Amino acid sequence: MMPITIFKILIKIVPGHVLFRKRSQNNPERGKALIMKQLKPTLLILVELQMRELDPKLLLACVAAQHGIQSIIGSRHEMHFNIPSFPRSICFSKSTKNVSKNVFRILRQLGHGIVAWDEEALVHHPTEAYFRRRLSGAAIKYVSHLLAWGEDNVEWWRQYPEMPRGLPIPITGNLRGDLLRTEMRSLYDHDVQKIRTEYGDFILVNTFYPDLNILIPRANPDEPKVLSRRTIGIEMSREYAEGLSNHKQAIFEDFQQLIPAFPDHTIVIRPHPAEN
């Protein structure tokens, strides 16, 4: 699904976000031209993690340019600090967490529109944990559209107790998926050849261990471990924490068995950006 799907959605939501000049009574045609000009807004495309988001969002900006829509793309942190400098736009947000509620409020007060998706909605925590960590009614109320990965994503979001009634959730797919299309592969031919030259036959292991130490041992080893401060802060239950800890340990043990099983391969470990 190419980003053009998102533009079909934009055509529907632009009139709600852009201030149109009234048609001139003396010159109706001139007024009409002014209105049509306003139909092409600026897109604010925020990037949080460069390795994960920059390439697909550059693709979005390129498709926007093909349709006569200009984009401003940059670091999420820097763009938040420069919101007053931007023309009235449609802002693309990667999530609707509680931390975004103040920025969303400021965006709406300045006349910007907000559409959002969740970069982490494809593979996610159990429902209750996901709702606590990734969704906020205080933030979602400022969003005009949520862009879903697929039907499962739509049905799941609809279960959120604080979801505004009638909020549109069109299925657009995700921009990162567009980079897997056959016609996009040649963009990475140089990088692929460089990796093959450096590593030869290899096995790629993508790790995700930012929450590894979620259970902290006590001084007395006979006493049960306690939840870490971060685990308590995100309201992770002991049952879930113990299950996650056991799951991570099992993956690590299987990884250790992988090493001698493939002596002729290079094992490349690619850590998650949140890992230290």
C-alpha atoms as a PDB file:
ATOM      1  CA  MET A   1       0.000   0.000   0.000  1.00  0.00           C
ATOM      2  CA  MET A   2       1.781   3.139  -1.172  1.00  0.00           C
ATOM      3  CA  PRO A   3       1.583   6.440   0.721  1.00  0.00           C
ATOM      4  CA  ILE A   4      -0.970   7.638  -1.851  1.00  0.00           C
ATOM      5  CA  THR A   5      -3.574   6.028   0.428  1.00  0.00           C
ATOM      6  CA  ILE A   6      -2.761   8.621   3.049  1.00  0.00           C
ATOM      7  CA  PHE A   7      -3.420  11.391   0.548  1.00  0.00           C
ATOM      8  CA  LYS A   8      -6.889  10.042  -0.122  1.00  0.00           C
ATOM      9  CA  ILE A   9      -7.463  10.533   3.590  1.00  0.00           C
ATOM     10  CA  LEU A  10      -5.895  14.002   3.520  1.00  0.00           C
ATOM     11  CA  ILE A  11      -8.321  15.155   0.836  1.00  0.00           C
ATOM     12  CA  LYS A  12     -11.146  14.443   3.268  1.00  0.00           C
ATOM     13  CA  ILE A  13      -9.609  16.054   6.354  1.00  0.00           C
ATOM     14  CA  VAL A  14      -7.963  19.179   4.905  1.00  0.00           C
ATOM     15  CA  PRO A  15     -11.151  21.312   4.839  1.00  0.00           C
ATOM     16  CA  GLY A  16     -11.516  20.845   8.572  1.00  0.00           C
ATOM     17  CA  HIS A  17      -8.070  22.220   9.310  1.00  0.00           C
ATOM     18  CA  VAL A  18      -7.359  24.954   6.771  1.00  0.00           C
ATOM     19  CA  LEU A  19      -8.851  28.433   7.000  1.00  0.00           C
ATOM     20  CA  PHE A  20     -10.324  29.305   3.610  1.00  0.00           C
ATOM     21  CA  ARG A  21     -10.643  32.869   2.357  1.00  0.00           C
ATOM     22  CA  LYS A  22     -14.187  33.850   1.530  1.00  0.00           C
ATOM     23  CA  ARG A  23     -15.028  34.141  -2.128  1.00  0.00           C
ATOM     24  CA  SER A  24     -14.865  37.747  -3.265  1.00  0.00           C
ATOM     25  CA  GLN A  25     -18.290  39.142  -4.231  1.00  0.00           C
ATOM     26  CA  ASN A  26     -16.651  41.397  -6.800  1.00  0.00           C
ATOM     27  CA  ASN A  27     -14.575  38.652  -8.360  1.00  0.00           C
ATOM     28  CA  PRO A  28     -15.953  35.122  -7.678  1.00  0.00           C
ATOM     29  CA  GLU A  29     -13.336  33.437  -9.877  1.00  0.00           C
ATOM     30  CA  ARG A  30     -10.508  35.032  -7.924  1.00  0.00           C
ATOM     31  CA  GLY A  31     -12.073  33.852  -4.676  1.00  0.00           C
ATOM     32  CA  LYS A  32     -12.359  30.351  -6.071  1.00  0.00           C
ATOM     33  CA  ALA A  33      -8.676  30.342  -6.983  1.00  0.00           C
ATOM     34  CA  LEU A  34      -7.741  31.389  -3.471  1.00  0.00           C
ATOM     35  CA  ILE A  35      -9.799  28.568  -2.000  1.00  0.00           C
ATOM     36  CA  MET A  36      -8.229  25.972  -4.285  1.00  0.00           C
ATOM     37  CA  LYS A  37      -4.773  27.203  -3.374  1.00  0.00           C
ATOM     38  CA  GLN A  38      -5.543  26.674   0.293  1.00  0.00           C
ATOM     39  CA  LEU A  39      -6.492  23.042  -0.386  1.00  0.00           C
ATOM     40  CA  LYS A  40      -2.816  22.050  -0.420  1.00  0.00           C
ATOM     41  CA  PRO A  41      -1.490  22.429   3.120  1.00  0.00           C
ATOM     42  CA  THR A  42       1.981  21.885   4.527  1.00  0.00           C
ATOM     43  CA  LEU A  43       2.742  18.567   6.199  1.00  0.00           C
ATOM     44  CA  LEU A  44       4.731  18.492   9.434  1.00  0.00           C
ATOM     45  CA  ILE A  45       6.487  15.112   9.486  1.00  0.00           C
ATOM     46  CA  LEU A  46       8.165  14.424  12.811  1.00  0.00           C
ATOM     47  CA  VAL A  47      10.994  11.883  13.171  1.00  0.00           C
ATOM     48  CA  GLU A  48      11.814  10.423  16.583  1.00  0.00           C
ATOM     49  CA  LEU A  49      14.221   7.575  15.709  1.00  0.00           C
ATOM     50  CA  GLN A  50      16.206   8.187  12.538  1.00  0.00           C
ATOM     51  CA  MET A  51      17.041   4.542  11.823  1.00  0.00           C
ATOM     52  CA  ARG A  52      13.410   3.511  12.129  1.00  0.00           C
ATOM     53  CA  GLU A  53      11.528   6.429  10.625  1.00  0.00           C
ATOM     54  CA  LEU A  54      13.596   8.719   8.404  1.00  0.00           C
ATOM     55  CA  ASP A  55      13.563   6.736   5.153  1.00  0.00           C
ATOM     56  CA  PRO A  56       9.813   5.942   5.097  1.00  0.00           C
ATOM     57  CA  LYS A  57       8.931   9.513   6.059  1.00  0.00           C
ATOM     58  CA  LEU A  58      11.196  10.882   3.327  1.00  0.00           C
ATOM     59  CA  LEU A  59       9.210   8.661   0.964  1.00  0.00           C
ATOM     60  CA  LEU A  60       6.005  10.223   2.274  1.00  0.00           C
ATOM     61  CA  ALA A  61       7.443  13.701   1.690  1.00  0.00           C
ATOM     62  CA  CYS A  62       8.448  12.751  -1.877  1.00  0.00           C
ATOM     63  CA  VAL A  63       4.965  11.487  -2.714  1.00  0.00           C
ATOM     64  CA  ALA A  64       3.537  14.649  -1.162  1.00  0.00           C
ATOM     65  CA  ALA A  65       5.784  16.754  -3.418  1.00  0.00           C
ATOM     66  CA  GLN A  66       4.518  14.836  -6.460  1.00  0.00           C
ATOM     67  CA  HIS A  67       1.025  15.967  -5.487  1.00  0.00           C
ATOM     68  CA  GLY A  68       2.050  19.578  -5.015  1.00  0.00           C
ATOM     69  CA  ILE A  69       2.103  19.386  -1.209  1.00  0.00           C
ATOM     70  CA  GLN A  70       5.139  20.723   0.614  1.00  0.00           C
ATOM     71  CA  SER A  71       6.519  19.022   3.718  1.00  0.00           C
ATOM     72  CA  ILE A  72       8.665  20.045   6.649  1.00  0.00           C
ATOM     73  CA  ILE A  73      10.492  17.017   8.022  1.00  0.00           C
ATOM     74  CA  GLY A  74      12.838  16.941  10.985  1.00  0.00           C
ATOM     75  CA  SER A  75      13.637  15.879  14.521  1.00  0.00           C
ATOM     76  CA  ARG A  76      10.515  15.536  16.650  1.00  0.00           C
ATOM     77  CA  HIS A  77      12.216  17.302  19.548  1.00  0.00           C
ATOM     78  CA  GLU A  78      13.410  20.271  17.480  1.00  0.00           C
ATOM     79  CA  MET A  79      10.107  20.649  15.634  1.00  0.00           C
ATOM     80  CA  HIS A  80       8.189  20.733  18.891  1.00  0.00           C
ATOM     81  CA  PHE A  81      10.281  23.707  19.999  1.00  0.00           C
ATOM     82  CA  ASN A  82       9.634  25.503  16.709  1.00  0.00           C
ATOM     83  CA  ILE A  83       5.883  24.971  16.349  1.00  0.00           C
ATOM     84  CA  PRO A  84       5.089  28.736  16.289  1.00  0.00           C
ATOM     85  CA  SER A  85       7.381  29.162  13.278  1.00  0.00           C
ATOM     86  CA  PHE A  86       5.496  26.779  10.993  1.00  0.00           C
ATOM     87  CA  PRO A  87       2.630  27.687   8.665  1.00  0.00           C
ATOM     88  CA  ARG A  88      -0.748  26.177   9.428  1.00  0.00           C
ATOM     89  CA  SER A  89      -0.214  22.512   8.657  1.00  0.00           C
ATOM     90  CA  ILE A  90      -1.249  18.925   9.179  1.00  0.00           C
ATOM     91  CA  CYS A  91       1.035  17.286  11.736  1.00  0.00           C
ATOM     92  CA  PHE A  92       1.823  13.572  11.535  1.00  0.00           C
ATOM     93  CA  SER A  93       2.356  12.113  15.003  1.00  0.00           C
ATOM     94  CA  LYS A  94       3.803   8.662  15.665  1.00  0.00           C
ATOM     95  CA  SER A  95       1.746   8.024  18.786  1.00  0.00           C
ATOM     96  CA  THR A  96      -0.940   9.373  21.095  1.00  0.00           C
ATOM     97  CA  LYS A  97       0.729   8.886  24.464  1.00  0.00           C
ATOM     98  CA  ASN A  98       0.006  11.096  27.452  1.00  0.00           C
ATOM     99  CA  VAL A  99       3.344  12.876  27.011  1.00  0.00           C
ATOM    100  CA  SER A 100       2.003  14.370  23.749  1.00  0.00           C
ATOM    101  CA  LYS A 101      -1.126  15.999  25.159  1.00  0.00           C
ATOM    102  CA  ASN A 102       0.417  19.448  25.771  1.00  0.00           C
ATOM    103  CA  VAL A 103       2.070  19.574  22.345  1.00  0.00           C
ATOM    104  CA  PHE A 104      -1.199  18.498  20.712  1.00  0.00           C
ATOM    105  CA  ARG A 105      -3.078  21.207  22.589  1.00  0.00           C
ATOM    106  CA  ILE A 106      -0.624  23.868  21.406  1.00  0.00           C
ATOM    107  CA  LEU A 107      -0.793  22.598  17.823  1.00  0.00           C
ATOM    108  CA  ARG A 108      -4.574  22.833  17.780  1.00  0.00           C
ATOM    109  CA  GLN A 109      -4.553  26.287  19.395  1.00  0.00           C
ATOM    110  CA  LEU A 110      -2.255  27.461  16.593  1.00  0.00           C
ATOM    111  CA  GLY A 111      -4.640  26.060  13.973  1.00  0.00           C
ATOM    112  CA  HIS A 112      -2.733  22.917  12.985  1.00  0.00           C
ATOM    113  CA  GLY A 113      -4.449  19.619  12.315  1.00  0.00           C
ATOM    114  CA  ILE A 114      -3.194  16.355  13.797  1.00  0.00           C
ATOM    115  CA  VAL A 115      -3.360  12.837  12.414  1.00  0.00           C
ATOM    116  CA  ALA A 116      -1.629   9.973  14.192  1.00  0.00           C
ATOM    117  CA  TRP A 117      -0.664   6.350  13.969  1.00  0.00           C
ATOM    118  CA  ASP A 118       1.214   4.111  16.381  1.00  0.00           C
ATOM    119  CA  GLU A 119       4.592   2.825  15.253  1.00  0.00           C
ATOM    120  CA  GLU A 120       4.349   0.026  17.836  1.00  0.00           C
ATOM    121  CA  ALA A 121       0.792  -1.153  17.218  1.00  0.00           C
ATOM    122  CA  LEU A 122       1.702  -4.080  14.953  1.00  0.00           C
ATOM    123  CA  VAL A 123       3.358  -6.193  17.667  1.00  0.00           C
ATOM    124  CA  HIS A 124       2.234  -4.936  21.029  1.00  0.00           C
ATOM    125  CA  HIS A 125       1.793  -5.562  24.737  1.00  0.00           C
ATOM    126  CA  PRO A 126      -1.369  -7.169  26.111  1.00  0.00           C
ATOM    127  CA  THR A 127      -4.402  -4.949  25.719  1.00  0.00           C
ATOM    128  CA  GLU A 128      -4.555  -3.384  29.186  1.00  0.00           C
ATOM    129  CA  ALA A 129      -0.797  -2.731  29.297  1.00  0.00           C
ATOM    130  CA  TYR A 130      -0.885  -1.249  25.791  1.00  0.00           C
ATOM    131  CA  PHE A 131      -3.772   1.053  26.641  1.00  0.00           C
ATOM    132  CA  ARG A 132      -1.885   2.350  29.687  1.00  0.00           C
ATOM    133  CA  ARG A 133       1.455   2.810  27.926  1.00  0.00           C
ATOM    134  CA  ARG A 134       0.537   3.864  24.390  1.00  0.00           C
ATOM    135  CA  LEU A 135      -2.851   5.629  24.443  1.00  0.00           C
ATOM    136  CA  SER A 136      -4.140   8.685  26.258  1.00  0.00           C
ATOM    137  CA  GLY A 137      -7.655  10.083  26.074  1.00  0.00           C
ATOM    138  CA  ALA A 138      -6.204  13.496  26.962  1.00  0.00           C
ATOM    139  CA  ALA A 139      -4.071  13.378  23.790  1.00  0.00           C
ATOM    140  CA  ILE A 140      -6.434  11.564  21.394  1.00  0.00           C
ATOM    141  CA  LYS A 141      -9.132  14.219  21.824  1.00  0.00           C
ATOM    142  CA  TYR A 142      -6.978  16.607  19.760  1.00  0.00           C
ATOM    143  CA  VAL A 143      -6.533  14.123  16.872  1.00  0.00           C
ATOM    144  CA  SER A 144      -8.846  14.215  13.850  1.00  0.00           C
ATOM    145  CA  HIS A 145      -7.886  10.815  12.401  1.00  0.00           C
ATOM    146  CA  LEU A 146      -6.022   7.719  13.579  1.00  0.00           C
ATOM    147  CA  LEU A 147      -4.250   5.849  10.768  1.00  0.00           C
ATOM    148  CA  ALA A 148      -4.358   2.089  11.301  1.00  0.00           C
ATOM    149  CA  TRP A 149      -2.004  -0.680  10.222  1.00  0.00           C
ATOM    150  CA  GLY A 150      -4.966  -2.938   9.401  1.00  0.00           C
ATOM    151  CA  GLU A 151      -8.402  -4.173  10.462  1.00  0.00           C
ATOM    152  CA  ASP A 152      -7.077  -5.738  13.665  1.00  0.00           C
ATOM    153  CA  ASN A 153      -5.620  -2.376  14.655  1.00  0.00           C
ATOM    154  CA  VAL A 154      -8.974  -0.654  14.062  1.00  0.00           C
ATOM    155  CA  GLU A 155     -10.969  -3.183  16.099  1.00  0.00           C
ATOM    156  CA  TRP A 156      -8.430  -3.027  18.902  1.00  0.00           C
ATOM    157  CA  TRP A 157      -8.385   0.782  19.111  1.00  0.00           C
ATOM    158  CA  ARG A 158     -12.187   0.836  19.182  1.00  0.00           C
ATOM    159  CA  GLN A 159     -12.027  -1.089  22.464  1.00  0.00           C
ATOM    160  CA  TYR A 160     -10.158   1.743  24.174  1.00  0.00           C
ATOM    161  CA  PRO A 161     -12.559   3.168  26.783  1.00  0.00           C
ATOM    162  CA  GLU A 162     -11.526   6.792  26.150  1.00  0.00           C
ATOM    163  CA  MET A 163     -11.669   6.639  22.357  1.00  0.00           C
ATOM    164  CA  PRO A 164     -13.738   9.632  21.145  1.00  0.00           C
ATOM    165  CA  ARG A 165     -17.019   8.484  19.666  1.00  0.00           C
ATOM    166  CA  GLY A 166     -17.011   8.628  15.881  1.00  0.00           C
ATOM    167  CA  LEU A 167     -13.277   9.303  15.529  1.00  0.00           C
ATOM    168  CA  PRO A 168     -12.318   8.169  11.990  1.00  0.00           C
ATOM    169  CA  ILE A 169      -9.789   5.301  11.892  1.00  0.00           C
ATOM    170  CA  PRO A 170      -9.021   4.626   8.204  1.00  0.00           C
ATOM    171  CA  ILE A 171      -6.770   1.722   7.244  1.00  0.00           C
ATOM    172  CA  THR A 172      -3.698   3.162   5.517  1.00  0.00           C
ATOM    173  CA  GLY A 173      -0.974   0.683   6.353  1.00  0.00           C
ATOM    174  CA  ASN A 174       2.360   1.967   7.621  1.00  0.00           C
ATOM    175  CA  LEU A 175       5.038   3.829   5.710  1.00  0.00           C
ATOM    176  CA  ARG A 176       7.742   1.393   6.805  1.00  0.00           C
ATOM    177  CA  GLY A 177       5.913  -1.362   4.980  1.00  0.00           C
ATOM    178  CA  ASP A 178       6.198   0.577   1.731  1.00  0.00           C
ATOM    179  CA  LEU A 179       9.984   0.183   1.814  1.00  0.00           C
ATOM    180  CA  LEU A 180       9.545  -3.597   1.466  1.00  0.00           C
ATOM    181  CA  ARG A 181       7.890  -3.246  -1.929  1.00  0.00           C
ATOM    182  CA  THR A 182       9.787  -4.712  -4.887  1.00  0.00           C
ATOM    183  CA  GLU A 183      10.149  -1.368  -6.663  1.00  0.00           C
ATOM    184  CA  MET A 184      11.855   0.135  -3.594  1.00  0.00           C
ATOM    185  CA  ARG A 185      14.591  -2.470  -3.132  1.00  0.00           C
ATOM    186  CA  SER A 186      17.079  -0.919  -5.543  1.00  0.00           C
ATOM    187  CA  LEU A 187      17.394   2.062  -3.194  1.00  0.00           C
ATOM    188  CA  TYR A 188      19.404  -0.159  -0.868  1.00  0.00           C
ATOM    189  CA  ASP A 189      21.518  -2.086  -3.395  1.00  0.00           C
ATOM    190  CA  HIS A 190      24.691  -0.234  -2.381  1.00  0.00           C
ATOM    191  CA  ASP A 191      24.104  -0.849   1.327  1.00  0.00           C
ATOM    192  CA  VAL A 192      23.276  -4.521   0.725  1.00  0.00           C
ATOM    193  CA  GLN A 193      26.486  -5.099  -1.230  1.00  0.00           C
ATOM    194  CA  LYS A 194      28.543  -3.340   1.437  1.00  0.00           C
ATOM    195  CA  ILE A 195      27.046  -5.549   4.176  1.00  0.00           C
ATOM    196  CA  ARG A 196      27.601  -8.744   2.192  1.00  0.00           C
ATOM    197  CA  THR A 197      31.215  -7.792   1.528  1.00  0.00           C
ATOM    198  CA  GLU A 198      31.856  -7.101   5.208  1.00  0.00           C
ATOM    199  CA  TYR A 199      30.010 -10.056   6.782  1.00  0.00           C
ATOM    200  CA  GLY A 200      29.652 -12.724   4.103  1.00  0.00           C
ATOM    201  CA  ASP A 201      26.984 -15.281   5.092  1.00  0.00           C
ATOM    202  CA  PHE A 202      25.399 -13.946   8.246  1.00  0.00           C
ATOM    203  CA  ILE A 203      22.487 -14.380  10.645  1.00  0.00           C
ATOM    204  CA  LEU A 204      20.863 -11.162  11.814  1.00  0.00           C
ATOM    205  CA  VAL A 205      19.616 -11.059  15.399  1.00  0.00           C
ATOM    206  CA  ASN A 206      17.488  -8.015  16.279  1.00  0.00           C
ATOM    207  CA  THR A 207      17.399  -7.667  20.050  1.00  0.00           C
ATOM    208  CA  PHE A 208      14.956  -5.862  22.326  1.00  0.00           C
ATOM    209  CA  TYR A 209      16.188  -5.784  25.900  1.00  0.00           C
ATOM    210  CA  PRO A 210      15.430  -2.323  27.320  1.00  0.00           C
ATOM    211  CA  ASP A 211      13.319  -3.939  30.061  1.00  0.00           C
ATOM    212  CA  LEU A 212      15.746  -6.740  30.934  1.00  0.00           C
ATOM    213  CA  ASN A 213      16.244  -5.894  34.615  1.00  0.00           C
ATOM    214  CA  ILE A 214      12.583  -5.644  35.513  1.00  0.00           C
ATOM    215  CA  LEU A 215      12.939  -7.870  38.568  1.00  0.00           C
ATOM    216  CA  ILE A 216      15.609  -6.872  41.106  1.00  0.00           C
ATOM    217  CA  PRO A 217      17.088  -9.508  43.474  1.00  0.00           C
ATOM    218  CA  ARG A 218      17.005  -8.820  47.207  1.00  0.00           C
ATOM    219  CA  ALA A 219      20.008  -9.072  49.503  1.00  0.00           C
ATOM    220  CA  ASN A 220      18.566 -12.344  50.757  1.00  0.00           C
ATOM    221  CA  PRO A 221      18.407 -14.672  47.717  1.00  0.00           C
ATOM    222  CA  ASP A 222      15.625 -16.678  49.366  1.00  0.00           C
ATOM    223  CA  GLU A 223      13.271 -13.693  49.236  1.00  0.00           C
ATOM    224  CA  PRO A 224      11.280 -12.986  46.036  1.00  0.00           C
ATOM    225  CA  LYS A 225      12.624 -10.406  43.630  1.00  0.00           C
ATOM    226  CA  VAL A 226      11.048  -6.948  43.627  1.00  0.00           C
ATOM    227  CA  LEU A 227       9.788  -4.952  40.661  1.00  0.00           C
ATOM    228  CA  SER A 228      12.172  -2.289  39.375  1.00  0.00           C
ATOM    229  CA  ARG A 229      11.234   1.383  39.697  1.00  0.00           C
ATOM    230  CA  ARG A 230      10.652   1.656  35.944  1.00  0.00           C
ATOM    231  CA  THR A 231       8.426  -1.414  35.980  1.00  0.00           C
ATOM    232  CA  ILE A 232       6.336   0.084  38.775  1.00  0.00           C
ATOM    233  CA  GLY A 233       6.259   3.442  36.961  1.00  0.00           C
ATOM    234  CA  ILE A 234       4.680   1.945  33.853  1.00  0.00           C
ATOM    235  CA  GLU A 235       2.246  -0.070  35.988  1.00  0.00           C
ATOM    236  CA  MET A 236       3.500  -3.464  34.839  1.00  0.00           C
ATOM    237  CA  SER A 237       1.947  -6.277  36.872  1.00  0.00           C
ATOM    238  CA  ARG A 238       4.155  -8.822  38.647  1.00  0.00           C
ATOM    239  CA  GLU A 239       2.611 -11.641  36.606  1.00  0.00           C
ATOM    240  CA  TYR A 240       3.450  -9.897  33.335  1.00  0.00           C
ATOM    241  CA  ALA A 241       6.942  -8.910  34.560  1.00  0.00           C
ATOM    242  CA  GLU A 242       7.770 -12.477  35.560  1.00  0.00           C
ATOM    243  CA  GLY A 243       6.474 -13.823  32.251  1.00  0.00           C
ATOM    244  CA  LEU A 244       8.444 -11.255  30.261  1.00  0.00           C
ATOM    245  CA  SER A 245      11.609 -11.947  32.255  1.00  0.00           C
ATOM    246  CA  ASN A 246      11.304 -15.696  31.631  1.00  0.00           C
ATOM    247  CA  HIS A 247      10.627 -15.069  27.941  1.00  0.00           C
ATOM    248  CA  LYS A 248      13.753 -12.911  27.575  1.00  0.00           C
ATOM    249  CA  GLN A 249      15.849 -15.509  29.402  1.00  0.00           C
ATOM    250  CA  ALA A 250      14.602 -18.280  27.100  1.00  0.00           C
ATOM    251  CA  ILE A 251      15.452 -16.231  24.011  1.00  0.00           C
ATOM    252  CA  PHE A 252      18.968 -15.598  25.331  1.00  0.00           C
ATOM    253  CA  GLU A 253      19.520 -19.295  26.034  1.00  0.00           C
ATOM    254  CA  ASP A 254      18.386 -20.200  22.504  1.00  0.00           C
ATOM    255  CA  PHE A 255      20.736 -17.536  21.143  1.00  0.00           C
ATOM    256  CA  GLN A 256      23.656 -19.182  22.952  1.00  0.00           C
ATOM    257  CA  GLN A 257      22.799 -22.480  21.259  1.00  0.00           C
ATOM    258  CA  LEU A 258      22.704 -20.703  17.902  1.00  0.00           C
ATOM    259  CA  ILE A 259      26.396 -19.760  18.004  1.00  0.00           C
ATOM    260  CA  PRO A 260      27.992 -23.239  17.718  1.00  0.00           C
ATOM    261  CA  ALA A 261      25.210 -24.456  15.398  1.00  0.00           C
ATOM    262  CA  PHE A 262      26.347 -22.156  12.563  1.00  0.00           C
ATOM    263  CA  PRO A 263      30.157 -22.034  12.640  1.00  0.00           C
ATOM    264  CA  ASP A 264      30.401 -20.802   9.039  1.00  0.00           C
ATOM    265  CA  HIS A 265      28.153 -17.794   9.559  1.00  0.00           C
ATOM    266  CA  THR A 266      28.747 -14.405  11.088  1.00  0.00           C
ATOM    267  CA  ILE A 267      26.142 -13.594  13.743  1.00  0.00           C
ATOM    268  CA  VAL A 268      25.276  -9.886  13.586  1.00  0.00           C
ATOM    269  CA  ILE A 269      23.552  -8.445  16.645  1.00  0.00           C
ATOM    270  CA  ARG A 270      21.498  -5.299  16.016  1.00  0.00           C
ATOM    271  CA  PRO A 271      20.353  -3.766  19.316  1.00  0.00           C
ATOM    272  CA  HIS A 272      17.127  -1.863  19.759  1.00  0.00           C
ATOM    273  CA  PRO A 273      17.644   1.936  19.942  1.00  0.00           C
ATOM    274  CA  ALA A 274      16.354   1.914  23.542  1.00  0.00           C
ATOM    275  CA  GLU A 275      19.076  -0.488  24.694  1.00  0.00           C
ATOM    276  CA  ASN A 276      22.081   0.849  26.555  1.00  0.00           C
END
